[in-house]
Structures are given as structure tokens and as C-alpha cells.
Amino acid sequence: MLRKNQRENTMPEITVSMAVGRTDEQKAGMMRDITQALVKNLGVDADAVVIQINEAPLAHKMKGGKTFVERAAAAKK
């Protein structure tokens, strides 16, 4: 286990990449859960955890050769 001063100097930084579409409440809940997971599993202070969300428009993300816009349109048919 890290000593208190070592924990404060250990800043885990997490970046989450996702498609747009989640609410601010959903994103905040996810970031809180990630923070608590790092506190529990890494022994760092919550104040040391930095989380950033990078969101991409659905037209800028692709899966299986189709953009998420194309996939959504195909699912409506």
C-alpha cells in the first residue's frame, strides 16, 4: 500500500472514447464509478483521479464497415 504522500502524487488519468448520445447524468455516474474503482483497486485518493470523455459524432464512428448513423438507419428498416 502506498503511503499517503505517495498516493497524492500518483495521478491516474483515464480517457474514455465514446459516441455522443449519453446524458450528462449518465456520464457523471460512469466517471464516479470509474473513480471509485481506481480508489478501491489502486489505493489512490479520489482527488488524484482525472477522467476525460472524448465524444465523437455518430458519423465519425464505424463498426463492421458502417458508420453508426448508417447502422441506426438500417436498424429502423
C-alpha atoms as a PDB file:
ATOM      1  CA  MET A   1       0.000   0.000   0.000  1.00  0.00           C
ATOM      2  CA  LEU A   2       1.283   3.455  -0.826  1.00  0.00           C
ATOM      3  CA  ARG A   3       1.911   5.975   1.914  1.00  0.00           C
ATOM      4  CA  LYS A   4      -0.410   8.993   1.979  1.00  0.00           C
ATOM      5  CA  ASN A   5       2.083  11.358   0.327  1.00  0.00           C
ATOM      6  CA  GLN A   6       2.829   8.782  -2.394  1.00  0.00           C
ATOM      7  CA  ARG A   7      -0.879   8.308  -3.106  1.00  0.00           C
ATOM      8  CA  GLU A   8      -1.368  12.041  -3.547  1.00  0.00           C
ATOM      9  CA  ASN A   9       1.449  12.183  -6.087  1.00  0.00           C
ATOM     10  CA  THR A  10       0.100   9.252  -8.111  1.00  0.00           C
ATOM     11  CA  MET A  11      -2.427  10.708 -10.508  1.00  0.00           C
ATOM     12  CA  PRO A  12      -4.164   8.117 -12.674  1.00  0.00           C
ATOM     13  CA  GLU A  13      -5.634   9.746 -15.745  1.00  0.00           C
ATOM     14  CA  ILE A  14      -8.345   7.912 -17.659  1.00  0.00           C
ATOM     15  CA  THR A  15      -9.666   8.792 -21.120  1.00  0.00           C
ATOM     16  CA  VAL A  16     -12.959   7.304 -22.281  1.00  0.00           C
ATOM     17  CA  SER A  17     -13.779   7.421 -26.005  1.00  0.00           C
ATOM     18  CA  MET A  18     -17.422   7.025 -26.919  1.00  0.00           C
ATOM     19  CA  ALA A  19     -20.092   8.029 -29.389  1.00  0.00           C
ATOM     20  CA  VAL A  20     -22.248  11.003 -28.469  1.00  0.00           C
ATOM     21  CA  GLY A  21     -25.698  10.344 -27.111  1.00  0.00           C
ATOM     22  CA  ARG A  22     -25.438   9.759 -23.367  1.00  0.00           C
ATOM     23  CA  THR A  23     -26.842  12.268 -20.898  1.00  0.00           C
ATOM     24  CA  ASP A  24     -24.662  14.338 -18.605  1.00  0.00           C
ATOM     25  CA  GLU A  25     -26.075  12.335 -15.699  1.00  0.00           C
ATOM     26  CA  GLN A  26     -25.054   9.031 -17.303  1.00  0.00           C
ATOM     27  CA  LYS A  27     -21.547  10.308 -17.989  1.00  0.00           C
ATOM     28  CA  ALA A  28     -21.158  11.697 -14.461  1.00  0.00           C
ATOM     29  CA  GLY A  29     -22.311   8.372 -12.988  1.00  0.00           C
ATOM     30  CA  MET A  30     -19.825   6.472 -15.133  1.00  0.00           C
ATOM     31  CA  MET A  31     -16.991   8.780 -14.091  1.00  0.00           C
ATOM     32  CA  ARG A  32     -17.917   8.407 -10.407  1.00  0.00           C
ATOM     33  CA  ASP A  33     -17.898   4.601 -10.773  1.00  0.00           C
ATOM     34  CA  ILE A  34     -14.516   4.671 -12.520  1.00  0.00           C
ATOM     35  CA  THR A  35     -13.140   6.944  -9.798  1.00  0.00           C
ATOM     36  CA  GLN A  36     -14.305   4.576  -7.067  1.00  0.00           C
ATOM     37  CA  ALA A  37     -12.818   1.584  -8.912  1.00  0.00           C
ATOM     38  CA  LEU A  38      -9.426   3.318  -9.010  1.00  0.00           C
ATOM     39  CA  VAL A  39      -9.653   4.293  -5.344  1.00  0.00           C
ATOM     40  CA  LYS A  40     -10.506   0.703  -4.400  1.00  0.00           C
ATOM     41  CA  ASN A  41      -8.090  -1.139  -6.689  1.00  0.00           C
ATOM     42  CA  LEU A  42      -5.132   1.254  -6.932  1.00  0.00           C
ATOM     43  CA  GLY A  43      -5.285   2.794  -3.479  1.00  0.00           C
ATOM     44  CA  VAL A  44      -5.219   6.357  -4.785  1.00  0.00           C
ATOM     45  CA  ASP A  45      -7.164   9.279  -3.385  1.00  0.00           C
ATOM     46  CA  ALA A  46     -10.301  10.224  -5.322  1.00  0.00           C
ATOM     47  CA  ASP A  47      -8.955  13.782  -5.639  1.00  0.00           C
ATOM     48  CA  ALA A  48      -5.993  12.419  -7.610  1.00  0.00           C
ATOM     49  CA  VAL A  49      -8.157  10.767 -10.300  1.00  0.00           C
ATOM     50  CA  VAL A  50      -8.652  12.651 -13.567  1.00  0.00           C
ATOM     51  CA  ILE A  51     -11.194  11.383 -16.105  1.00  0.00           C
ATOM     52  CA  GLN A  52     -11.848  12.829 -19.534  1.00  0.00           C
ATOM     53  CA  ILE A  53     -14.538  11.824 -22.017  1.00  0.00           C
ATOM     54  CA  ASN A  54     -13.876  12.224 -25.734  1.00  0.00           C
ATOM     55  CA  GLU A  55     -17.110  12.046 -27.690  1.00  0.00           C
ATOM     56  CA  ALA A  56     -17.361  11.517 -31.423  1.00  0.00           C
ATOM     57  CA  PRO A  57     -20.357  12.210 -33.645  1.00  0.00           C
ATOM     58  CA  LEU A  58     -22.102   9.032 -34.793  1.00  0.00           C
ATOM     59  CA  ALA A  59     -20.964   9.760 -38.354  1.00  0.00           C
ATOM     60  CA  HIS A  60     -17.339   9.655 -37.163  1.00  0.00           C
ATOM     61  CA  LYS A  61     -17.510   6.175 -35.610  1.00  0.00           C
ATOM     62  CA  MET A  62     -17.690   2.964 -37.579  1.00  0.00           C
ATOM     63  CA  LYS A  63     -18.319  -0.663 -36.723  1.00  0.00           C
ATOM     64  CA  GLY A  64     -18.442  -3.509 -39.209  1.00  0.00           C
ATOM     65  CA  GLY A  65     -17.784  -1.193 -42.165  1.00  0.00           C
ATOM     66  CA  LYS A  66     -20.784   1.061 -41.445  1.00  0.00           C
ATOM     67  CA  THR A  67     -20.936   4.333 -39.568  1.00  0.00           C
ATOM     68  CA  PHE A  68     -23.157   4.422 -36.523  1.00  0.00           C
ATOM     69  CA  VAL A  69     -25.518   6.687 -38.500  1.00  0.00           C
ATOM     70  CA  GLU A  70     -25.757   4.030 -41.228  1.00  0.00           C
ATOM     71  CA  ARG A  71     -26.259   1.296 -38.641  1.00  0.00           C
ATOM     72  CA  ALA A  72     -29.064   3.254 -36.951  1.00  0.00           C
ATOM     73  CA  ALA A  73     -30.783   3.856 -40.310  1.00  0.00           C
ATOM     74  CA  ALA A  74     -30.525   0.162 -41.221  1.00  0.00           C
ATOM     75  CA  ALA A  75     -31.982  -0.833 -37.833  1.00  0.00           C
ATOM     76  CA  LYS A  76     -35.084   1.325 -38.476  1.00  0.00           C
ATOM     77  CA  LYS A  77     -35.909  -0.565 -41.696  1.00  0.00           C
END
